[in-house]
Amino acid sequence: SLCQQHWKQAEFNLSEPVVRPDAYTGNMKVAIEQALSSFGIESLTRREQEVASLLAQGFDTKEISAHLHLVQGTVKNHRKRIYSQLNVSSLSELFQLFLNHLIMHSK
């Protein structure tokens, strides 16, 4: 995912950027961390926020269940409720919503 690429957990495959990528790394990392911690705060439970944050970072159901010590069925139920509460129908829509949240809260 893009977040994983940004945090250098995956190789970045896009063409060479116009600006130096390390010029804003510290500020961007802080902005992303703040956006992840506040994403869905108005409508999700604390546990749902944790799941939504991990989904936005590119984790799959199995990884989330291991990270949060939950069974996969519980993670799937949280995902369904998150989608319903945030009025999205797919992971790509959830990620788009997260990116909008990041942009709006990093100004």
Protein backbone atom coordinates (compact mmCIF):
# COMPACT_ATOMS: atom_id res chain seq x y z
CA SER A 1 0.00 0.00 0.00
CA LEU A 2 1.00 3.63 -0.31
CA CYS A 3 1.37 4.02 3.45
CA GLN A 4 3.72 1.03 3.60
CA GLN A 5 5.74 2.45 0.71
CA HIS A 6 5.95 5.80 2.47
CA TRP A 7 7.22 4.16 5.65
CA LYS A 8 9.75 2.20 3.59
CA GLN A 9 8.29 -1.21 4.49
CA ALA A 10 7.83 -1.86 0.77
CA GLU A 11 9.90 -0.82 -2.20
CA PHE A 12 8.71 2.38 -3.87
CA ASN A 13 8.01 1.72 -7.55
CA LEU A 14 6.98 5.10 -8.96
CA SER A 15 9.25 7.29 -11.08
CA GLU A 16 11.74 9.65 -9.47
CA PRO A 17 9.92 12.43 -7.54
CA VAL A 18 10.43 16.09 -8.38
CA VAL A 19 11.33 16.97 -4.78
CA ARG A 20 13.62 15.05 -2.48
CA PRO A 21 11.45 12.41 -0.74
CA ASP A 22 13.34 12.85 2.54
CA ALA A 23 12.67 16.60 2.67
CA TYR A 24 9.29 16.15 4.36
CA THR A 25 9.57 12.66 5.83
CA GLY A 26 9.40 13.74 9.48
CA ASN A 27 6.45 16.09 9.01
CA MET A 28 4.60 13.64 6.79
CA LYS A 29 5.08 10.76 9.21
CA VAL A 30 3.68 12.87 12.06
CA ALA A 31 0.74 13.98 9.90
CA ILE A 32 -0.05 10.39 8.91
CA GLU A 33 0.21 9.15 12.51
CA GLN A 34 -2.14 11.92 13.69
CA ALA A 35 -4.59 11.19 10.86
CA LEU A 36 -4.52 7.47 11.65
CA SER A 37 -5.24 8.11 15.34
CA SER A 38 -8.17 10.45 14.61
CA PHE A 39 -9.66 8.63 11.59
CA GLY A 40 -13.32 7.80 12.27
CA ILE A 41 -13.19 9.15 15.82
CA GLU A 42 -16.67 10.67 15.53
CA SER A 43 -18.49 7.47 14.57
CA LEU A 44 -16.37 4.42 15.43
CA THR A 45 -15.61 2.65 18.69
CA ARG A 46 -12.01 2.60 19.90
CA ARG A 47 -11.55 -0.98 18.62
CA GLU A 48 -13.13 -0.13 15.27
CA GLN A 49 -10.74 2.83 15.00
CA GLU A 50 -7.81 0.47 15.60
CA VAL A 51 -9.06 -1.86 12.85
CA ALA A 52 -9.75 1.05 10.46
CA SER A 53 -6.26 2.42 11.09
CA LEU A 54 -4.68 -0.93 10.28
CA LEU A 55 -6.85 -1.33 7.17
CA ALA A 56 -5.76 2.12 5.98
CA GLN A 57 -2.14 1.04 6.47
CA GLY A 58 -2.65 -1.95 4.20
CA PHE A 59 -2.98 -4.78 6.71
CA ASP A 60 -5.25 -7.67 5.74
CA THR A 61 -7.73 -9.51 7.99
CA LYS A 62 -5.23 -12.18 9.04
CA GLU A 63 -2.56 -9.60 9.95
CA ILE A 64 -5.06 -7.47 11.88
CA SER A 65 -6.35 -10.47 13.82
CA ALA A 66 -2.79 -11.42 14.81
CA HIS A 67 -1.85 -7.82 15.70
CA LEU A 68 -4.95 -7.20 17.84
CA HIS A 69 -5.26 -10.79 19.16
CA LEU A 70 -8.73 -11.24 17.66
CA VAL A 71 -10.23 -14.08 15.65
CA GLN A 72 -10.56 -13.32 11.94
CA GLY A 73 -14.37 -13.41 12.13
CA THR A 74 -14.33 -10.58 14.67
CA VAL A 75 -12.08 -8.51 12.41
CA LYS A 76 -14.46 -9.14 9.50
CA ASN A 77 -17.41 -8.01 11.65
CA HIS A 78 -15.52 -4.85 12.65
CA ARG A 79 -14.74 -4.20 8.97
CA LYS A 80 -18.43 -4.53 8.02
CA ARG A 81 -19.44 -2.11 10.78
CA ILE A 82 -16.66 0.34 9.82
CA TYR A 83 -17.81 0.30 6.20
CA SER A 84 -21.40 0.90 7.31
CA GLN A 85 -20.56 3.68 9.78
CA LEU A 86 -18.27 5.48 7.32
CA ASN A 87 -20.63 4.88 4.38
CA VAL A 88 -18.07 3.11 2.20
CA SER A 89 -18.41 -0.18 0.34
CA SER A 90 -14.82 -1.19 -0.36
CA LEU A 91 -11.27 -0.97 0.89
CA SER A 92 -10.41 1.48 -1.88
CA GLU A 93 -13.24 3.79 -0.76
CA LEU A 94 -12.03 3.50 2.84
CA PHE A 95 -8.51 4.42 1.74
CA GLN A 96 -9.83 7.35 -0.29
CA LEU A 97 -11.76 8.56 2.77
CA PHE A 98 -8.60 8.22 4.86
CA LEU A 99 -6.57 10.23 2.32
CA ASN A 100 -9.22 12.98 2.37
CA HIS A 101 -9.07 12.93 6.18
CA LEU A 102 -5.27 13.16 6.06
CA ILE A 103 -5.34 16.11 3.66
CA MET A 104 -7.99 18.00 5.64
CA HIS A 105 -6.27 17.50 9.00
CA SER A 106 -2.71 18.21 7.90
CA LYS A 107 -3.37 21.81 6.85
